[in-house]
Protein backbone atom coordinates (compact mmCIF):
# COMPACT_ATOMS: atom_id res chain seq x y z
CA MET A 1 -8.76 85.49 -75.43
CA ALA A 2 -6.88 87.87 -73.57
CA LEU A 3 -3.47 88.58 -75.22
CA GLN A 4 -1.77 89.19 -71.98
CA SER A 5 -2.19 85.61 -71.02
CA LEU A 6 -0.49 84.50 -74.25
CA LEU A 7 3.11 83.26 -74.04
CA ASP A 8 3.76 83.09 -77.61
CA VAL A 9 1.26 85.33 -79.64
CA PHE A 10 2.32 84.08 -82.94
CA LEU A 11 5.02 81.87 -84.26
CA ILE A 12 6.28 80.55 -87.61
CA SER A 13 8.95 77.99 -87.63
CA ARG A 14 11.35 77.10 -90.17
CA ASP A 15 13.05 73.95 -91.56
CA ALA A 16 16.65 75.10 -92.09
CA ASN A 17 17.10 72.16 -94.82
CA ASN A 18 14.01 73.27 -96.76
CA LEU A 19 14.21 77.19 -96.93
CA PRO A 20 12.09 79.14 -99.71
CA ALA A 21 14.32 80.07 -102.86
CA SER A 22 12.64 83.37 -103.09
CA THR A 23 10.65 86.02 -100.90
CA PHE A 24 7.01 85.26 -100.53
CA GLN A 25 3.63 86.63 -98.90
CA PHE A 26 2.14 84.83 -95.87
CA PRO A 27 -1.51 85.88 -95.35
CA VAL A 28 -2.88 85.94 -92.02
CA ASP A 29 -6.63 86.60 -91.80
CA ASP A 30 -9.62 86.85 -89.39
CA ILE A 31 -7.78 88.64 -86.60
CA VAL A 32 -9.94 90.36 -84.11
CA TYR A 33 -8.95 92.68 -81.28
CA ASP A 34 -11.74 93.17 -78.39
CA SER A 35 -10.70 95.45 -75.66
CA GLY A 36 -13.13 93.77 -73.31
CA THR A 37 -15.84 95.09 -71.27
CA THR A 38 -16.06 97.83 -68.65
CA THR A 39 -17.31 95.58 -65.86
CA THR A 40 -14.87 94.81 -63.05
CA PRO A 41 -14.54 91.21 -61.93
CA PRO A 42 -14.50 90.36 -58.07
CA PRO A 43 -11.07 90.31 -56.60
CA PRO A 44 -9.49 86.85 -56.11
CA SER A 45 -10.87 84.90 -53.19
CA GLY A 46 -7.81 82.76 -52.78
CA PRO A 47 -4.42 83.38 -50.85
CA THR A 48 -2.21 85.87 -52.49
CA SER A 49 1.61 86.57 -52.15
CA VAL A 50 4.55 88.39 -53.54
CA THR A 51 7.79 86.88 -53.38
CA ARG A 52 11.02 88.62 -54.18
CA THR A 53 13.06 86.33 -56.50
CA SER A 54 16.24 88.35 -56.95
CA THR A 55 17.29 91.99 -56.25
CA THR A 56 15.47 93.17 -59.32
CA ALA A 57 12.39 90.99 -59.59
CA LEU A 58 9.13 89.87 -57.81
CA GLN A 59 6.85 87.19 -58.40
CA PHE A 60 3.14 87.76 -57.89
CA ASN A 61 0.97 84.84 -56.99
CA THR A 62 -2.76 84.02 -56.39
CA ALA A 63 -4.65 80.99 -56.13
CA THR A 64 -8.07 81.21 -57.83
CA GLY A 65 -8.84 78.42 -60.06
CA SER A 66 -9.35 80.77 -62.94
CA TRP A 67 -7.74 83.60 -64.63
CA ALA A 68 -6.63 86.66 -62.61
CA ASP A 69 -4.66 90.01 -63.29
CA VAL A 70 -2.21 91.76 -61.37
CA HIS A 71 -2.21 95.76 -61.22
CA TYR A 72 0.98 97.19 -59.83
CA THR A 73 2.95 100.66 -59.70
CA VAL A 74 6.55 101.20 -59.09
CA ASN A 75 7.57 104.35 -57.14
CA ASN A 76 3.86 105.93 -58.01
CA GLY A 77 4.65 105.48 -61.75
CA ALA A 78 2.21 104.32 -64.44
CA GLN A 79 0.08 101.36 -63.30
CA GLN A 80 0.75 97.99 -65.09
CA ASN A 81 -2.28 95.90 -65.67
CA LEU A 82 -1.18 92.38 -66.70
CA ARG A 83 -3.02 88.91 -67.08
CA MET A 84 -1.12 86.17 -64.73
CA ARG A 85 -0.17 82.90 -65.99
CA LEU A 86 -2.68 80.30 -64.84
CA ASP A 87 -1.04 76.81 -63.93
CA GLY A 88 -3.55 74.57 -62.13
CA THR A 89 -5.26 76.81 -59.71
CA THR A 90 -2.40 79.23 -59.29
CA ASN A 91 -1.85 82.37 -61.24
CA SER A 92 1.62 83.98 -61.39
CA TYR A 93 3.61 86.72 -62.95
CA LYS A 94 7.23 87.90 -62.64
CA GLY A 95 7.96 91.44 -62.79
CA GLY A 96 11.44 92.69 -63.18
CA GLY A 97 13.51 95.66 -63.83
CA LEU A 98 13.37 96.86 -60.19
CA LYS A 99 16.11 98.32 -57.91
CA ILE A 100 16.66 98.50 -54.33
CA GLY A 101 14.46 100.92 -52.65
CA ASP A 102 11.85 100.84 -55.22
CA VAL A 103 8.14 100.83 -53.70
CA VAL A 104 5.79 98.54 -55.52
CA ARG A 105 1.97 98.79 -54.90
CA TYR A 106 -0.11 96.02 -56.00
CA SER A 107 -3.79 94.45 -56.26
CA PHE A 108 -5.34 91.58 -58.08
CA THR A 109 -8.77 91.32 -59.73
């Protein structure tokens, strides 16, 4: 499982009418982190696009039918490598924090 693709990594909800009376420990076990392999998957074969959704945000899209990643830089800064959200056959990722004049370079895998 790629953690980048999770929307909510871990959640514990509470019942406001049934709160614990004192502190307690909640153990979580068998968590494994795997950094993956060094092989590079082929680039997406479906159509790709980038849409400006506001003055500070872009939405990256690619139609693959399976998982895809977007790789992008802003003004030649550090490269961001992110798993896109898969809905049906379309992957998407919204990137924000931009300002007018920023140069964004991107690719998909």
